[in-house]
Amino acid sequence: MSLYIDSADRELLAELWPSGAFAGVTTNPTILARSGLGQADLPGLYRWLTAELGVPRVYAQVLGTSTAEMLASAGQLAALGPLVVKVPATSAGFAAAKQLVADGAEVLLTAVYHPVQGVAARDLGIQGVAPYVGRMTDAGRRGVESVVAMQQAIGSEPTRILAASLRSLDDVTTLAAAGVPDFTLGAAVARAVVQDELTEQAVTAFEADAAQAAAR
């Protein structure tokens, strides 16, 4: 199982990345906007992530609504350095993703809301697919169950599910048990991986007991 941080917040990333619990960082235009950034800020963010933090795997998303616009945007992203290109699961996006894969790019089909979209991505040779678990549930689609079904339908490699829009570690556990390999986590859920209240209580007790024993 690989965990990713779904954020462009440098403070959060600098806090969590040193834990070693995460495999990379994912972004999209909405994630960038939440940190006051835009597509023009991606080069600086990419350099900081890779050169300063040492993040080995970065995901960045294309802009545009037509296939031509997405391909042009993907070319700009590729100029940054090695990364995974995220393309939305629209008709134009499928076409762009197919072309990018043929050109040798690593692609993640994102904003996926139905298991059949995942199967279509597999059949096109797209390397990754990102279903929005929480947003599926918000729309009345049973997000966790849909992604379990997607994993069963896709099977094993080469297409890997990168589950997104996750609301709790319990959802991560359920999906991991069903074979989903990758997860990208927002701030609250990512922090919960390395900061559990009960763990903190245990550490406090350990330290108190050690101090008491040393004072004897």
Protein backbone atom coordinates (compact mmCIF):
# COMPACT_ATOMS: atom_id res chain seq x y z
CA MET A 1 0.00 0.00 0.00
CA SER A 2 1.26 3.46 -0.93
CA LEU A 3 0.03 6.65 0.73
CA TYR A 4 0.25 10.10 -0.82
CA ILE A 5 -0.32 13.60 0.57
CA ASP A 6 -3.00 15.45 -1.38
CA SER A 7 -1.85 19.01 -0.79
CA ALA A 8 0.14 21.98 -2.05
CA ASP A 9 0.48 23.49 1.44
CA ARG A 10 4.22 23.75 2.06
CA GLU A 11 3.80 23.94 5.82
CA LEU A 12 1.75 20.74 5.91
CA LEU A 13 4.08 18.96 3.49
CA ALA A 14 7.19 19.98 5.45
CA GLU A 15 5.50 18.68 8.59
CA LEU A 16 4.40 15.29 7.26
CA TRP A 17 6.95 14.32 4.62
CA PRO A 18 9.85 13.60 7.03
CA SER A 19 7.76 10.86 8.71
CA GLY A 20 8.58 8.54 5.83
CA ALA A 21 4.99 7.27 5.76
CA PHE A 22 4.19 8.73 2.35
CA ALA A 23 5.27 7.83 -1.18
CA GLY A 24 4.66 11.15 -2.89
CA VAL A 25 2.46 14.23 -3.33
CA THR A 26 -0.64 14.75 -5.46
CA THR A 27 -2.03 18.07 -6.65
CA ASN A 28 -4.78 19.42 -8.88
CA PRO A 29 -6.08 22.92 -9.69
CA THR A 30 -8.41 22.89 -6.66
CA ILE A 31 -5.65 21.76 -4.31
CA LEU A 32 -3.40 24.49 -5.64
CA ALA A 33 -6.12 27.14 -5.24
CA ARG A 34 -6.68 26.15 -1.60
CA SER A 35 -3.06 27.12 -0.95
CA GLY A 36 -3.36 30.35 -2.90
CA LEU A 37 -1.53 28.92 -5.92
CA GLY A 38 -2.25 28.51 -9.61
CA GLN A 39 -0.82 26.53 -12.50
CA ALA A 40 1.90 29.17 -12.94
CA ASP A 41 3.17 28.28 -9.46
CA LEU A 42 3.70 24.62 -10.30
CA PRO A 43 7.35 24.95 -11.42
CA GLY A 44 8.37 26.47 -8.09
CA LEU A 45 6.33 23.95 -6.11
CA TYR A 46 7.74 21.05 -8.13
CA ARG A 47 11.33 22.21 -7.57
CA TRP A 48 10.71 22.60 -3.85
CA LEU A 49 9.09 19.17 -3.56
CA THR A 50 11.73 17.29 -5.51
CA ALA A 51 14.94 19.20 -4.77
CA GLU A 52 14.36 20.31 -1.19
CA LEU A 53 11.98 17.76 0.33
CA GLY A 54 13.18 14.88 -1.82
CA VAL A 55 9.69 13.79 -2.91
CA PRO A 56 10.24 11.08 -5.55
CA ARG A 57 6.75 11.00 -7.05
CA VAL A 58 4.63 14.06 -7.89
CA TYR A 59 1.22 14.19 -9.60
CA ALA A 60 0.10 17.33 -11.47
CA GLN A 61 -3.08 17.88 -13.46
CA VAL A 62 -3.63 19.26 -16.94
CA LEU A 63 -5.80 22.27 -17.67
CA GLY A 64 -8.24 22.62 -20.56
CA THR A 65 -11.52 21.07 -21.66
CA SER A 66 -10.56 19.93 -25.16
CA THR A 67 -8.16 17.15 -26.04
CA ALA A 68 -5.81 19.60 -27.75
CA GLU A 69 -5.77 21.91 -24.73
CA MET A 70 -5.07 19.01 -22.37
CA LEU A 71 -2.23 17.72 -24.53
CA ALA A 72 -0.66 21.17 -24.69
CA SER A 73 -0.95 21.50 -20.91
CA ALA A 74 0.57 18.04 -20.45
CA GLY A 75 3.56 19.14 -22.55
CA GLN A 76 4.11 22.06 -20.18
CA LEU A 77 3.93 19.74 -17.19
CA ALA A 78 6.40 17.30 -18.74
CA ALA A 79 8.92 20.12 -19.03
CA LEU A 80 9.04 20.33 -15.23
CA GLY A 81 10.63 16.92 -14.89
CA PRO A 82 9.47 13.37 -14.13
CA LEU A 83 5.89 13.36 -12.87
CA VAL A 84 2.54 11.66 -13.30
CA VAL A 85 0.10 13.57 -15.51
CA LYS A 86 -3.45 13.71 -14.19
CA VAL A 87 -6.23 13.92 -16.80
CA PRO A 88 -9.95 14.18 -15.96
CA ALA A 89 -12.25 11.35 -17.04
CA THR A 90 -14.18 13.31 -19.68
CA SER A 91 -14.53 12.28 -23.32
CA ALA A 92 -11.76 14.70 -24.26
CA GLY A 93 -9.75 13.51 -21.28
CA PHE A 94 -9.93 9.86 -22.30
CA ALA A 95 -8.67 10.80 -25.75
CA ALA A 96 -5.85 12.90 -24.30
CA ALA A 97 -4.90 10.16 -21.85
CA LYS A 98 -4.79 7.57 -24.63
CA GLN A 99 -2.44 9.77 -26.67
CA LEU A 100 -0.23 10.57 -23.69
CA VAL A 101 0.16 6.89 -22.84
CA ALA A 102 1.06 6.17 -26.46
CA ASP A 103 3.70 8.90 -26.23
CA GLY A 104 5.25 7.23 -23.19
CA ALA A 105 3.83 9.42 -20.40
CA GLU A 106 2.63 8.05 -17.08
CA VAL A 107 -1.02 9.04 -16.72
CA LEU A 108 -3.62 9.02 -13.96
CA LEU A 109 -7.27 9.32 -15.01
CA THR A 110 -8.85 11.46 -12.31
CA ALA A 111 -12.29 12.62 -11.14
CA VAL A 112 -13.61 9.10 -11.69
CA TYR A 113 -17.09 8.37 -10.36
CA HIS A 114 -18.08 4.94 -11.74
CA PRO A 115 -16.36 1.53 -11.84
CA VAL A 116 -16.85 1.29 -15.60
CA GLN A 117 -14.64 4.35 -16.07
CA GLY A 118 -11.90 2.45 -14.28
CA VAL A 119 -12.34 -0.56 -16.57
CA ALA A 120 -12.21 1.72 -19.63
CA ALA A 121 -8.99 3.23 -18.32
CA ARG A 122 -7.48 -0.23 -17.94
CA ASP A 123 -8.48 -1.18 -21.47
CA LEU A 124 -6.76 1.95 -22.82
CA GLY A 125 -3.57 1.09 -20.96
CA ILE A 126 -3.83 4.09 -18.62
CA GLN A 127 -1.56 3.39 -15.68
CA GLY A 128 -3.68 4.87 -12.88
CA VAL A 129 -7.25 5.81 -12.04
CA ALA A 130 -8.43 8.05 -9.19
CA PRO A 131 -12.00 7.50 -7.95
CA TYR A 132 -13.38 10.20 -5.63
CA VAL A 133 -14.62 8.04 -2.78
CA GLY A 134 -16.13 10.67 -0.48
CA ARG A 135 -17.69 12.64 -3.30
CA MET A 136 -19.27 9.46 -4.68
CA THR A 137 -20.90 8.95 -1.29
CA ASP A 138 -22.02 12.58 -1.17
CA ALA A 139 -23.75 12.01 -4.51
CA GLY A 140 -25.54 8.92 -3.16
CA ARG A 141 -23.33 6.38 -4.96
CA ARG A 142 -21.84 4.34 -2.08
CA GLY A 143 -18.26 5.39 -2.61
CA VAL A 144 -16.43 2.64 -0.76
CA GLU A 145 -18.53 -0.15 -2.30
CA SER A 146 -18.11 1.35 -5.78
CA VAL A 147 -14.33 1.42 -5.46
CA VAL A 148 -14.24 -2.15 -4.16
CA ALA A 149 -16.24 -3.14 -7.25
CA MET A 150 -13.85 -1.14 -9.44
CA GLN A 151 -10.86 -2.96 -7.98
CA GLN A 152 -12.52 -6.33 -8.57
CA ALA A 153 -13.36 -5.39 -12.16
CA ILE A 154 -9.94 -3.96 -13.01
CA GLY A 155 -7.98 -6.78 -11.42
CA SER A 156 -4.22 -6.51 -11.06
CA GLU A 157 -1.61 -4.46 -12.92
CA PRO A 158 -1.08 -2.46 -15.03
CA THR A 159 -3.83 -0.03 -13.97
CA ARG A 160 -3.67 0.90 -10.29
CA ILE A 161 -6.40 2.60 -8.30
CA LEU A 162 -5.33 5.73 -6.42
CA ALA A 163 -8.31 6.31 -4.14
CA ALA A 164 -8.99 10.00 -3.47
CA SER A 165 -11.48 12.14 -1.55
CA LEU A 166 -11.13 9.91 1.50
CA ARG A 167 -12.85 10.99 4.70
CA SER A 168 -11.35 8.57 7.24
CA LEU A 169 -8.64 5.99 7.84
CA ASP A 170 -11.43 3.43 8.27
CA ASP A 171 -12.26 3.88 4.57
CA VAL A 172 -8.59 3.43 3.72
CA THR A 173 -8.47 0.21 5.73
CA THR A 174 -11.60 -1.20 4.09
CA LEU A 175 -10.34 -0.42 0.61
CA ALA A 176 -6.82 -1.70 1.29
CA ALA A 177 -8.30 -4.98 2.53
CA ALA A 178 -10.14 -5.22 -0.80
CA GLY A 179 -6.87 -4.87 -2.70
CA VAL A 180 -6.85 -1.15 -3.54
CA PRO A 181 -3.12 -0.31 -3.68
CA ASP A 182 -2.80 3.47 -3.49
CA PHE A 183 -4.41 6.30 -1.52
CA THR A 184 -4.06 10.08 -1.53
CA LEU A 185 -5.00 11.81 1.70
CA GLY A 186 -6.02 15.34 2.56
CA ALA A 187 -4.58 17.13 5.57
CA ALA A 188 -6.80 15.71 8.32
CA VAL A 189 -6.60 12.08 7.18
CA ALA A 190 -2.88 12.32 6.36
CA ARG A 191 -2.16 13.66 9.85
CA ALA A 192 -4.20 10.83 11.36
CA VAL A 193 -1.73 8.33 9.87
CA VAL A 194 1.09 9.63 12.08
CA GLN A 195 -0.81 11.35 14.91
CA ASP A 196 -3.26 9.20 16.86
CA GLU A 197 -4.65 10.40 20.18
CA LEU A 198 -4.24 7.02 21.82
CA THR A 199 -0.66 6.71 20.59
CA GLU A 200 0.11 10.14 22.06
CA GLN A 201 -1.40 9.06 25.38
CA ALA A 202 0.73 5.93 25.37
CA VAL A 203 3.89 7.94 24.70
CA THR A 204 3.07 10.30 27.55
CA ALA A 205 2.65 7.31 29.87
CA PHE A 206 5.93 5.77 28.69
CA GLU A 207 7.81 8.99 29.39
CA ALA A 208 6.21 9.43 32.81
CA ASP A 209 7.04 5.88 33.83
CA ALA A 210 10.62 6.25 32.60
CA ALA A 211 11.06 9.50 34.53
CA GLN A 212 9.63 7.93 37.67
CA ALA A 213 11.93 4.93 37.40
CA ALA A 214 14.99 7.17 36.85
CA ALA A 215 14.15 9.18 39.99
CA ARG A 216 14.22 6.15 42.27
